[in-house]
């Protein structure tokens, strides 16, 4: 009798694990390190009072399809995750920022703690009238990404790098929204990087 109960419990455990692994959530995890994202600054301690994202910078996951779908306005940097809401707080425009020169090539890097089958990486930049003291909305972003890197279902490296150019003519404080679109789930990973151009 004990053997039957143990076997049944083991079978349920394996079935439960299979359901967990094949669910709708992405198995990949990662975040932007270059230019440094808000969650990376939180994880390193250079930004404080960030809450749970300090220990989980790789977990900013939300619905894909951005900008037509995805996280709601005002919740873009957190991927719509309430627990990571500190990332959506503009902090009066005082997030640490990375200096970039428009019109010059830059390397955009992601640290992936669990790579996953990928559609593409996309990078969006804020408009000329962007106000860094306000929560981010779609209206504050250019309509099209300035850089798209297609992977067509391939799995990226643990250290993923992309070469791209920030549009010329931009200046001042801006925000780059990096989106890592997972191929075989309904989700993407989001990373907001404050930059001085």
N, C-alpha and C. Protein backbone atom coordinates (compact mmCIF):
# COMPACT_ATOMS: atom_id res chain seq x y z
N UNK A 1 0.82 -1.20 0.00
CA UNK A 1 0.00 0.00 0.00
C UNK A 1 0.87 1.26 0.00
N UNK A 2 1.95 1.24 0.85
CA UNK A 2 2.84 2.39 0.90
C UNK A 2 3.48 2.63 -0.46
N UNK A 3 3.87 1.54 -1.15
CA UNK A 3 4.51 1.67 -2.46
C UNK A 3 3.56 2.33 -3.45
N UNK A 4 2.28 1.95 -3.39
CA UNK A 4 1.30 2.56 -4.32
C UNK A 4 1.12 4.04 -4.04
N UNK A 5 1.04 4.41 -2.76
CA UNK A 5 0.87 5.82 -2.40
C UNK A 5 2.09 6.63 -2.82
N UNK A 6 3.29 6.06 -2.57
CA UNK A 6 4.52 6.75 -2.96
C UNK A 6 4.59 6.91 -4.47
N UNK A 7 4.23 5.87 -5.21
CA UNK A 7 4.26 5.93 -6.67
C UNK A 7 3.26 6.97 -7.17
N UNK A 8 2.07 6.99 -6.57
CA UNK A 8 1.06 7.97 -6.98
C UNK A 8 1.53 9.39 -6.70
N UNK A 9 2.12 9.60 -5.52
CA UNK A 9 2.62 10.92 -5.16
C UNK A 9 3.74 11.35 -6.10
N UNK A 10 4.63 10.42 -6.43
CA UNK A 10 5.72 10.72 -7.35
C UNK A 10 5.17 11.07 -8.73
N UNK A 11 4.18 10.31 -9.18
CA UNK A 11 3.56 10.58 -10.48
C UNK A 11 2.91 11.95 -10.52
N UNK A 12 2.21 12.32 -9.45
CA UNK A 12 1.60 13.64 -9.39
C UNK A 12 2.66 14.74 -9.38
N UNK A 13 3.75 14.48 -8.67
CA UNK A 13 4.83 15.46 -8.62
C UNK A 13 5.44 15.68 -9.99
N UNK A 14 5.67 14.62 -10.73
CA UNK A 14 6.23 14.74 -12.07
C UNK A 14 5.25 15.46 -13.00
N UNK A 15 3.98 15.09 -12.92
CA UNK A 15 2.97 15.75 -13.75
C UNK A 15 2.89 17.24 -13.41
N UNK A 16 2.94 17.55 -12.11
CA UNK A 16 2.90 18.96 -11.70
C UNK A 16 4.08 19.73 -12.24
N UNK A 17 5.27 19.10 -12.19
CA UNK A 17 6.47 19.75 -12.70
C UNK A 17 6.35 19.98 -14.20
N UNK A 18 5.78 19.01 -14.92
CA UNK A 18 5.61 19.16 -16.37
C UNK A 18 4.68 20.31 -16.69
N UNK A 19 3.60 20.44 -15.93
CA UNK A 19 2.66 21.55 -16.14
C UNK A 19 3.36 22.87 -15.88
N UNK A 20 4.18 22.93 -14.81
CA UNK A 20 4.89 24.16 -14.49
C UNK A 20 5.85 24.56 -15.60
N UNK A 21 6.58 23.59 -16.12
CA UNK A 21 7.58 23.89 -17.14
C UNK A 21 6.96 24.28 -18.47
N UNK A 22 5.81 23.71 -18.80
CA UNK A 22 5.21 23.99 -20.10
C UNK A 22 4.14 25.07 -20.05
N UNK A 23 4.03 25.77 -18.95
CA UNK A 23 3.02 26.81 -18.83
C UNK A 23 3.32 27.99 -19.72
N UNK A 24 2.50 29.06 -19.62
CA UNK A 24 2.62 30.21 -20.50
C UNK A 24 3.77 31.14 -20.16
N UNK A 25 4.38 31.00 -19.00
CA UNK A 25 5.47 31.88 -18.60
C UNK A 25 6.76 31.48 -19.30
N UNK A 26 7.54 32.47 -19.68
CA UNK A 26 8.81 32.20 -20.35
C UNK A 26 9.77 31.52 -19.39
N UNK A 27 10.57 30.59 -19.91
CA UNK A 27 11.58 29.94 -19.10
C UNK A 27 12.87 30.74 -19.10
N UNK A 28 13.00 31.69 -20.02
CA UNK A 28 14.17 32.54 -20.07
C UNK A 28 14.04 33.68 -19.07
N UNK A 29 15.17 34.23 -18.67
CA UNK A 29 15.20 35.40 -17.81
C UNK A 29 16.42 36.24 -18.17
N UNK A 30 16.28 37.57 -18.09
CA UNK A 30 17.43 38.42 -18.37
C UNK A 30 17.09 39.89 -18.30
N UNK A 31 18.14 40.72 -18.39
CA UNK A 31 17.96 42.16 -18.31
C UNK A 31 19.10 42.87 -19.03
N UNK A 32 18.87 44.13 -19.35
CA UNK A 32 19.84 44.93 -20.09
C UNK A 32 20.91 45.46 -19.15
N UNK A 33 22.17 45.26 -19.57
CA UNK A 33 23.31 45.79 -18.81
C UNK A 33 23.98 46.98 -19.51
N UNK A 34 23.76 47.13 -20.80
CA UNK A 34 24.40 48.22 -21.50
C UNK A 34 23.48 48.75 -22.61
N UNK A 35 23.04 50.01 -22.54
CA UNK A 35 23.23 50.88 -21.39
C UNK A 35 22.54 50.33 -20.15
N UNK A 36 23.09 50.65 -19.00
CA UNK A 36 22.63 50.06 -17.74
C UNK A 36 21.15 50.34 -17.51
N UNK A 37 20.39 49.29 -17.28
CA UNK A 37 18.95 49.43 -17.05
C UNK A 37 18.67 49.79 -15.59
N UNK A 38 17.47 50.24 -15.35
CA UNK A 38 17.06 50.57 -13.98
C UNK A 38 17.20 49.36 -13.07
N UNK A 39 16.79 48.17 -13.55
CA UNK A 39 16.89 47.00 -12.67
C UNK A 39 18.34 46.62 -12.40
N UNK A 40 19.25 46.88 -13.36
CA UNK A 40 20.67 46.61 -13.13
C UNK A 40 21.22 47.57 -12.08
N UNK A 41 20.84 48.84 -12.15
CA UNK A 41 21.27 49.80 -11.14
C UNK A 41 20.73 49.40 -9.76
N UNK A 42 19.50 48.89 -9.72
CA UNK A 42 18.93 48.44 -8.45
C UNK A 42 19.69 47.24 -7.90
N UNK A 43 20.00 46.28 -8.77
CA UNK A 43 20.70 45.07 -8.33
C UNK A 43 22.11 45.37 -7.83
N UNK A 44 22.76 46.39 -8.42
CA UNK A 44 24.13 46.73 -8.01
C UNK A 44 24.16 47.61 -6.78
N UNK A 45 23.00 48.16 -6.39
CA UNK A 45 22.94 49.05 -5.23
C UNK A 45 23.18 50.51 -5.58
N UNK A 46 23.43 50.81 -6.87
CA UNK A 46 23.62 52.21 -7.27
C UNK A 46 22.31 52.99 -7.21
N UNK A 47 21.19 52.28 -7.29
CA UNK A 47 19.87 52.87 -7.05
C UNK A 47 19.28 52.12 -5.86
N UNK A 48 18.70 52.85 -4.93
CA UNK A 48 18.16 52.22 -3.72
C UNK A 48 16.64 52.28 -3.68
N UNK A 49 16.07 51.63 -2.67
CA UNK A 49 14.61 51.61 -2.47
C UNK A 49 13.89 51.08 -3.71
N UNK A 50 14.41 49.99 -4.26
CA UNK A 50 13.83 49.41 -5.47
C UNK A 50 12.90 48.23 -5.19
N UNK A 51 12.89 47.73 -3.96
CA UNK A 51 12.03 46.59 -3.66
C UNK A 51 12.57 45.29 -4.21
N UNK A 52 11.67 44.40 -4.60
CA UNK A 52 12.02 43.02 -4.98
C UNK A 52 12.95 42.93 -6.17
N UNK A 53 12.93 43.92 -7.07
CA UNK A 53 13.76 43.83 -8.27
C UNK A 53 15.25 43.88 -7.94
N UNK A 54 15.61 44.36 -6.74
CA UNK A 54 17.01 44.36 -6.32
C UNK A 54 17.58 42.94 -6.35
N UNK A 55 16.72 41.95 -6.06
CA UNK A 55 17.16 40.56 -6.01
C UNK A 55 16.74 39.77 -7.24
N UNK A 56 15.90 40.36 -8.09
CA UNK A 56 15.39 39.67 -9.28
C UNK A 56 15.43 40.58 -10.52
N UNK A 57 16.58 41.15 -10.85
CA UNK A 57 16.60 42.06 -12.01
C UNK A 57 16.26 41.35 -13.31
N UNK A 58 16.43 40.04 -13.34
CA UNK A 58 16.20 39.25 -14.55
C UNK A 58 14.73 38.88 -14.76
N UNK A 59 13.85 39.25 -13.84
CA UNK A 59 12.48 38.74 -13.85
C UNK A 59 11.42 39.74 -14.29
N UNK A 60 11.81 40.83 -14.97
CA UNK A 60 10.84 41.85 -15.38
C UNK A 60 10.18 41.38 -16.68
N UNK A 61 9.18 40.55 -16.50
CA UNK A 61 8.50 39.85 -17.60
C UNK A 61 7.06 40.34 -17.70
N UNK A 62 6.59 40.52 -18.92
CA UNK A 62 5.21 40.95 -19.12
C UNK A 62 4.72 40.50 -20.47
N UNK A 63 3.48 40.84 -20.81
CA UNK A 63 2.92 40.43 -22.10
C UNK A 63 3.71 41.01 -23.26
N UNK A 64 3.88 40.21 -24.33
CA UNK A 64 4.61 40.73 -25.49
C UNK A 64 3.65 41.42 -26.46
N UNK A 65 4.20 41.92 -27.57
CA UNK A 65 3.40 42.64 -28.56
C UNK A 65 3.55 44.13 -28.46
N UNK A 66 4.55 44.59 -27.70
CA UNK A 66 4.76 46.02 -27.50
C UNK A 66 5.18 46.68 -28.83
N UNK A 67 4.68 47.86 -29.14
CA UNK A 67 3.86 48.73 -28.31
C UNK A 67 2.34 48.58 -28.50
N UNK A 68 1.91 47.79 -29.51
CA UNK A 68 0.47 47.63 -29.73
C UNK A 68 -0.19 46.96 -28.53
N UNK A 69 0.51 46.03 -27.90
CA UNK A 69 0.02 45.35 -26.70
C UNK A 69 1.09 45.50 -25.63
N UNK A 70 1.13 44.58 -24.69
CA UNK A 70 2.13 44.64 -23.63
C UNK A 70 1.65 45.39 -22.42
N UNK A 71 2.58 45.80 -21.54
CA UNK A 71 2.21 46.48 -20.29
C UNK A 71 1.47 47.78 -20.55
N UNK A 72 0.64 48.16 -19.61
CA UNK A 72 -0.12 49.41 -19.73
C UNK A 72 0.81 50.61 -19.58
N UNK A 73 0.37 51.75 -20.12
CA UNK A 73 1.12 52.99 -19.92
C UNK A 73 1.32 53.23 -18.42
N UNK A 74 2.48 53.74 -18.08
CA UNK A 74 2.81 53.97 -16.68
C UNK A 74 3.37 52.75 -15.98
N UNK A 75 3.30 51.57 -16.67
CA UNK A 75 3.81 50.33 -16.09
C UNK A 75 4.76 49.61 -17.06
N UNK A 76 5.29 50.34 -18.01
CA UNK A 76 6.12 49.74 -19.05
C UNK A 76 7.44 49.23 -18.49
N UNK A 77 8.10 50.04 -17.65
CA UNK A 77 9.42 49.66 -17.15
C UNK A 77 9.36 48.46 -16.21
N UNK A 78 8.23 48.23 -15.57
CA UNK A 78 8.07 47.08 -14.67
C UNK A 78 7.50 45.87 -15.40
N UNK A 79 7.20 46.02 -16.70
CA UNK A 79 6.56 44.94 -17.44
C UNK A 79 5.15 44.67 -16.97
N UNK A 80 4.57 45.63 -16.22
CA UNK A 80 3.22 45.44 -15.67
C UNK A 80 3.21 44.65 -14.38
N UNK A 81 4.38 44.38 -13.81
CA UNK A 81 4.48 43.63 -12.55
C UNK A 81 4.39 44.58 -11.36
N UNK A 82 3.35 44.45 -10.57
CA UNK A 82 3.15 45.32 -9.42
C UNK A 82 4.34 45.26 -8.46
N UNK A 83 4.91 44.07 -8.29
CA UNK A 83 6.04 43.90 -7.38
C UNK A 83 7.30 44.63 -7.81
N UNK A 84 7.37 45.03 -9.09
CA UNK A 84 8.52 45.75 -9.60
C UNK A 84 8.16 47.20 -9.92
N UNK A 85 7.10 47.70 -9.31
CA UNK A 85 6.59 49.03 -9.60
C UNK A 85 7.58 50.16 -9.38
N UNK A 86 8.62 49.93 -8.57
CA UNK A 86 9.63 50.97 -8.34
C UNK A 86 10.31 51.38 -9.65
N UNK A 87 10.34 50.46 -10.62
CA UNK A 87 10.97 50.77 -11.91
C UNK A 87 10.18 51.79 -12.71
N UNK A 88 8.88 51.93 -12.42
CA UNK A 88 8.02 52.88 -13.14
C UNK A 88 8.06 54.27 -12.52
N UNK A 89 8.59 54.38 -11.30
CA UNK A 89 8.68 55.67 -10.62
C UNK A 89 9.76 56.51 -11.30
N UNK A 90 9.42 57.65 -11.87
CA UNK A 90 10.43 58.44 -12.58
C UNK A 90 11.47 59.07 -11.66
N UNK A 91 11.21 59.10 -10.36
CA UNK A 91 12.15 59.65 -9.37
C UNK A 91 12.58 61.07 -9.74
N UNK A 92 11.61 61.86 -10.22
CA UNK A 92 11.87 63.25 -10.62
C UNK A 92 12.98 63.37 -11.65
N UNK A 93 13.17 62.32 -12.45
CA UNK A 93 14.20 62.35 -13.48
C UNK A 93 15.60 62.10 -12.96
N UNK A 94 15.70 61.53 -11.75
CA UNK A 94 17.01 61.37 -11.11
C UNK A 94 17.54 59.94 -11.09
N UNK A 95 17.06 59.07 -11.97
CA UNK A 95 17.67 57.75 -12.08
C UNK A 95 19.10 57.91 -12.58
N UNK A 96 20.02 57.04 -12.17
CA UNK A 96 21.36 57.08 -12.78
C UNK A 96 21.24 56.87 -14.28
N UNK A 97 22.10 57.52 -15.04
CA UNK A 97 22.00 57.46 -16.50
C UNK A 97 23.36 57.16 -17.12
N UNK A 98 23.31 56.63 -18.33
CA UNK A 98 24.50 56.32 -19.12
C UNK A 98 24.63 57.36 -20.22
N UNK A 99 25.83 57.87 -20.44
CA UNK A 99 26.06 58.83 -21.51
C UNK A 99 26.25 58.10 -22.83
N UNK A 100 25.49 58.52 -23.84
CA UNK A 100 25.61 57.97 -25.20
C UNK A 100 25.69 59.14 -26.18
N UNK A 101 26.39 58.92 -27.28
CA UNK A 101 26.49 59.95 -28.32
C UNK A 101 25.60 59.55 -29.49
N UNK A 102 24.60 60.37 -29.80
CA UNK A 102 23.73 60.07 -30.94
C UNK A 102 24.53 60.03 -32.24
N UNK A 103 24.12 59.17 -33.16
CA UNK A 103 24.77 59.07 -34.45
C UNK A 103 26.00 58.19 -34.44
N UNK A 104 26.44 57.73 -33.26
CA UNK A 104 27.58 56.83 -33.18
C UNK A 104 27.11 55.44 -32.81
N UNK A 105 27.87 54.44 -33.23
CA UNK A 105 27.53 53.06 -32.93
C UNK A 105 27.79 52.75 -31.46
N UNK A 106 26.86 52.01 -30.86
CA UNK A 106 26.98 51.60 -29.46
C UNK A 106 26.68 50.11 -29.37
N UNK A 107 27.20 49.49 -28.31
CA UNK A 107 26.91 48.08 -28.05
C UNK A 107 25.83 48.00 -27.00
N UNK A 108 24.74 47.33 -27.33
CA UNK A 108 23.63 47.12 -26.41
C UNK A 108 23.73 45.68 -25.91
N UNK A 109 23.82 45.50 -24.60
CA UNK A 109 24.08 44.17 -24.05
C UNK A 109 23.00 43.75 -23.07
N UNK A 110 22.75 42.45 -23.05
CA UNK A 110 21.82 41.82 -22.12
C UNK A 110 22.55 40.72 -21.37
N UNK A 111 22.26 40.60 -20.10
CA UNK A 111 22.73 39.47 -19.30
C UNK A 111 21.54 38.52 -19.17
N UNK A 112 21.67 37.33 -19.73
CA UNK A 112 20.58 36.36 -19.71
C UNK A 112 20.94 35.25 -18.73
N UNK A 113 20.13 35.11 -17.70
CA UNK A 113 20.39 34.06 -16.72
C UNK A 113 19.81 32.73 -17.18
N UNK A 114 18.88 32.78 -18.12
CA UNK A 114 18.30 31.57 -18.71
C UNK A 114 17.84 31.91 -20.13
N UNK A 115 18.73 31.74 -21.13
CA UNK A 115 18.33 32.06 -22.51
C UNK A 115 17.15 31.21 -22.96
N UNK A 116 16.40 31.73 -23.92
CA UNK A 116 15.20 31.04 -24.39
C UNK A 116 15.00 31.36 -25.87
N UNK A 117 14.29 30.51 -26.55
CA UNK A 117 13.95 30.72 -27.95
C UNK A 117 13.38 32.13 -28.13
N UNK A 118 13.95 32.87 -29.09
CA UNK A 118 13.71 34.31 -29.17
C UNK A 118 13.21 34.74 -30.55
N UNK A 119 12.20 35.60 -30.57
CA UNK A 119 11.76 36.22 -31.81
C UNK A 119 12.73 37.33 -32.20
N UNK A 120 12.88 38.30 -31.28
CA UNK A 120 13.81 39.40 -31.54
C UNK A 120 14.04 40.22 -30.28
N UNK A 121 14.99 41.13 -30.38
CA UNK A 121 15.21 42.18 -29.39
C UNK A 121 14.87 43.49 -30.08
N UNK A 122 14.16 44.37 -29.37
CA UNK A 122 13.79 45.67 -29.93
C UNK A 122 14.18 46.77 -28.95
N UNK A 123 14.51 47.93 -29.52
CA UNK A 123 14.93 49.08 -28.71
C UNK A 123 14.15 50.31 -29.16
N UNK A 124 13.44 50.90 -28.21
CA UNK A 124 12.62 52.09 -28.46
C UNK A 124 13.23 53.28 -27.72
N UNK A 125 13.14 54.46 -28.31
CA UNK A 125 13.68 55.68 -27.70
C UNK A 125 12.56 56.69 -27.51
N UNK A 126 12.69 57.49 -26.47
CA UNK A 126 11.69 58.50 -26.19
C UNK A 126 11.75 59.64 -27.21
N UNK A 127 10.65 60.36 -27.31
CA UNK A 127 10.52 61.48 -28.25
C UNK A 127 11.26 62.71 -27.74
N UNK A 128 11.36 63.72 -28.60
CA UNK A 128 12.07 64.95 -28.24
C UNK A 128 11.42 65.69 -27.07
N UNK A 129 10.10 65.53 -26.91
CA UNK A 129 9.42 66.24 -25.82
C UNK A 129 9.22 65.35 -24.58
N UNK A 130 9.95 64.27 -24.48
CA UNK A 130 9.88 63.37 -23.32
C UNK A 130 10.19 64.13 -22.03
N UNK A 131 9.36 63.90 -21.01
CA UNK A 131 9.54 64.51 -19.70
C UNK A 131 10.00 63.41 -18.72
N UNK A 132 11.28 63.40 -18.33
CA UNK A 132 11.78 62.34 -17.46
C UNK A 132 11.22 62.36 -16.04
N UNK A 133 10.45 63.39 -15.70
CA UNK A 133 9.85 63.44 -14.36
C UNK A 133 8.47 62.78 -14.33
N UNK A 134 8.01 62.27 -15.49
CA UNK A 134 6.68 61.66 -15.58
C UNK A 134 6.79 60.17 -15.87
N UNK A 135 5.82 59.36 -15.40
CA UNK A 135 5.83 57.93 -15.74
C UNK A 135 5.78 57.74 -17.26
N UNK A 136 6.43 56.71 -17.74
CA UNK A 136 6.55 56.47 -19.18
C UNK A 136 5.24 56.00 -19.80
N UNK A 137 4.88 56.62 -20.92
CA UNK A 137 3.72 56.20 -21.70
C UNK A 137 4.15 55.98 -23.15
N UNK A 138 3.30 55.33 -23.91
CA UNK A 138 3.59 55.11 -25.33
C UNK A 138 3.71 56.42 -26.10
N UNK A 139 2.94 57.42 -25.72
CA UNK A 139 3.01 58.72 -26.39
C UNK A 139 4.38 59.36 -26.24
N UNK A 140 5.14 58.95 -25.23
CA UNK A 140 6.46 59.51 -24.99
C UNK A 140 7.55 58.74 -25.74
N UNK A 141 7.16 57.74 -26.53
CA UNK A 141 8.12 56.94 -27.29
C UNK A 141 7.93 57.14 -28.79
N UNK A 142 9.03 57.08 -29.52
CA UNK A 142 8.94 57.09 -30.99
C UNK A 142 8.10 55.90 -31.44
N UNK A 143 7.43 56.02 -32.57
CA UNK A 143 6.49 54.99 -33.04
C UNK A 143 7.17 53.66 -33.36
N UNK A 144 8.40 53.71 -33.86
CA UNK A 144 9.10 52.51 -34.29
C UNK A 144 10.38 52.33 -33.49
N UNK A 145 10.81 51.09 -33.28
CA UNK A 145 12.10 50.88 -32.62
C UNK A 145 13.23 51.42 -33.49
N UNK A 146 14.28 51.96 -32.87
CA UNK A 146 15.43 52.42 -33.65
C UNK A 146 16.38 51.27 -33.96
N UNK A 147 16.16 50.12 -33.28
CA UNK A 147 16.98 48.95 -33.54
C UNK A 147 16.15 47.70 -33.28
N UNK A 148 16.13 46.78 -34.24
CA UNK A 148 15.50 45.47 -34.07
C UNK A 148 16.52 44.42 -34.49
N UNK A 149 16.71 43.44 -33.62
CA UNK A 149 17.66 42.36 -33.89
C UNK A 149 16.88 41.05 -33.94
N UNK A 150 16.56 40.53 -35.14
CA UNK A 150 15.78 39.30 -35.24
C UNK A 150 16.63 38.07 -34.93
N UNK A 151 16.05 37.13 -34.19
CA UNK A 151 16.73 35.85 -33.93
C UNK A 151 15.96 34.68 -34.54
N UNK A 152 14.72 34.93 -34.96
CA UNK A 152 13.93 33.93 -35.69
C UNK A 152 13.85 32.59 -34.97
N UNK A 153 13.67 32.64 -33.64
CA UNK A 153 13.49 31.42 -32.85
C UNK A 153 14.76 30.85 -32.27
N UNK A 154 15.91 31.40 -32.63
CA UNK A 154 17.18 30.90 -32.08
C UNK A 154 17.30 31.29 -30.61
N UNK A 155 18.15 30.58 -29.91
CA UNK A 155 18.41 30.87 -28.51
C UNK A 155 19.62 31.80 -28.41
N UNK A 156 19.50 32.93 -27.74
CA UNK A 156 20.63 33.86 -27.64
C UNK A 156 21.69 33.35 -26.67
N UNK A 157 22.82 34.06 -26.64
CA UNK A 157 23.89 33.74 -25.70
C UNK A 157 23.56 34.28 -24.31
N UNK A 158 24.28 33.77 -23.30
CA UNK A 158 24.09 34.29 -21.94
C UNK A 158 24.48 35.76 -21.86
N UNK A 159 25.48 36.17 -22.63
CA UNK A 159 25.84 37.57 -22.78
C UNK A 159 25.53 37.94 -24.23
N UNK A 160 24.41 38.59 -24.42
CA UNK A 160 23.93 38.92 -25.76
C UNK A 160 24.28 40.37 -26.08
N UNK A 161 24.92 40.60 -27.22
CA UNK A 161 25.33 41.96 -27.60
C UNK A 161 24.80 42.32 -28.98
N UNK A 162 24.38 43.58 -29.14
CA UNK A 162 23.86 44.08 -30.41
C UNK A 162 24.49 45.44 -30.70
N UNK A 163 24.89 45.64 -31.94
CA UNK A 163 25.44 46.94 -32.35
C UNK A 163 24.31 47.77 -32.95
N UNK A 164 24.25 49.02 -32.54
CA UNK A 164 23.22 49.90 -33.06
C UNK A 164 23.57 51.35 -32.86
N UNK A 165 22.82 52.23 -33.50
CA UNK A 165 23.07 53.66 -33.45
C UNK A 165 21.85 54.39 -32.93
N UNK A 166 22.04 55.18 -31.88
CA UNK A 166 20.96 56.04 -31.39
C UNK A 166 20.75 57.14 -32.42
N UNK A 167 19.51 57.42 -32.80
CA UNK A 167 19.27 58.41 -33.85
C UNK A 167 19.97 59.74 -33.61
N UNK A 168 20.56 60.28 -34.66
CA UNK A 168 21.23 61.57 -34.59
C UNK A 168 20.21 62.68 -34.34
N UNK A 169 20.67 63.77 -33.76
CA UNK A 169 19.79 64.91 -33.53
C UNK A 169 19.11 64.89 -32.18
N UNK A 170 19.25 63.81 -31.42
CA UNK A 170 18.67 63.73 -30.09
C UNK A 170 19.63 64.34 -29.08
N UNK A 171 19.08 64.93 -28.02
CA UNK A 171 19.93 65.46 -26.95
C UNK A 171 19.17 65.48 -25.64
N UNK A 172 19.92 65.56 -24.55
CA UNK A 172 19.32 65.62 -23.23
C UNK A 172 19.00 64.26 -22.66
N UNK A 173 18.16 64.24 -21.62
CA UNK A 173 17.79 63.01 -20.92
C UNK A 173 16.72 62.27 -21.71
N UNK A 174 16.97 60.99 -21.96
CA UNK A 174 16.02 60.14 -22.67
C UNK A 174 15.95 58.78 -21.99
N UNK A 175 15.06 57.96 -22.49
CA UNK A 175 14.88 56.60 -21.96
C UNK A 175 14.86 55.64 -23.14
N UNK A 176 15.63 54.55 -23.02
CA UNK A 176 15.59 53.48 -24.01
C UNK A 176 14.84 52.31 -23.39
N UNK A 177 13.83 51.84 -24.09
CA UNK A 177 13.09 50.66 -23.64
C UNK A 177 13.56 49.47 -24.48
N UNK A 178 14.21 48.52 -23.82
CA UNK A 178 14.63 47.29 -24.48
C UNK A 178 13.58 46.21 -24.25
N UNK A 179 13.22 45.51 -25.32
CA UNK A 179 12.21 44.45 -25.22
C UNK A 179 12.80 43.17 -25.82
N UNK A 180 12.84 42.13 -25.01
CA UNK A 180 13.30 40.80 -25.45
C UNK A 180 12.06 39.95 -25.66
N UNK A 181 11.69 39.71 -26.91
CA UNK A 181 10.46 38.98 -27.25
C UNK A 181 10.74 37.48 -27.33
N UNK A 182 10.07 36.73 -26.46
CA UNK A 182 10.23 35.28 -26.41
C UNK A 182 9.39 34.64 -27.52
N UNK A 183 9.98 33.68 -28.22
CA UNK A 183 9.35 33.08 -29.40
C UNK A 183 8.11 32.26 -29.07
N UNK A 184 8.20 31.37 -28.08
CA UNK A 184 7.15 30.36 -27.90
C UNK A 184 6.33 30.53 -26.63
N UNK A 185 6.25 31.76 -26.12
CA UNK A 185 5.32 32.06 -25.03
C UNK A 185 4.61 33.38 -25.38
N UNK A 186 3.74 33.81 -24.53
CA UNK A 186 3.02 35.07 -24.74
C UNK A 186 3.74 36.26 -24.12
N UNK A 187 4.98 36.05 -23.65
CA UNK A 187 5.65 37.07 -22.86
C UNK A 187 6.91 37.63 -23.48
N UNK A 188 7.35 38.73 -22.89
CA UNK A 188 8.60 39.39 -23.25
C UNK A 188 9.23 39.90 -21.96
N UNK A 189 10.51 40.25 -22.03
CA UNK A 189 11.19 40.88 -20.91
C UNK A 189 11.46 42.33 -21.26
N UNK A 190 11.30 43.22 -20.26
CA UNK A 190 11.40 44.66 -20.46
C UNK A 190 12.54 45.23 -19.62
N UNK A 191 13.23 46.22 -20.19
CA UNK A 191 14.31 46.89 -19.48
C UNK A 191 14.36 48.35 -19.91
N UNK A 192 14.24 49.25 -18.94
CA UNK A 192 14.31 50.69 -19.22
C UNK A 192 15.68 51.21 -18.81
N UNK A 193 16.35 51.88 -19.74
CA UNK A 193 17.69 52.43 -19.49
C UNK A 193 17.64 53.94 -19.67
N UNK A 194 17.95 54.67 -18.61
CA UNK A 194 18.02 56.12 -18.68
C UNK A 194 19.35 56.52 -19.31
N UNK A 195 19.29 57.44 -20.27
CA UNK A 195 20.50 57.85 -20.97
C UNK A 195 20.56 59.37 -21.10
N UNK A 196 21.78 59.88 -21.09
CA UNK A 196 22.03 61.30 -21.38
C UNK A 196 22.67 61.36 -22.76
N UNK A 197 22.01 62.03 -23.69
CA UNK A 197 22.48 62.13 -25.07
C UNK A 197 23.08 63.51 -25.32
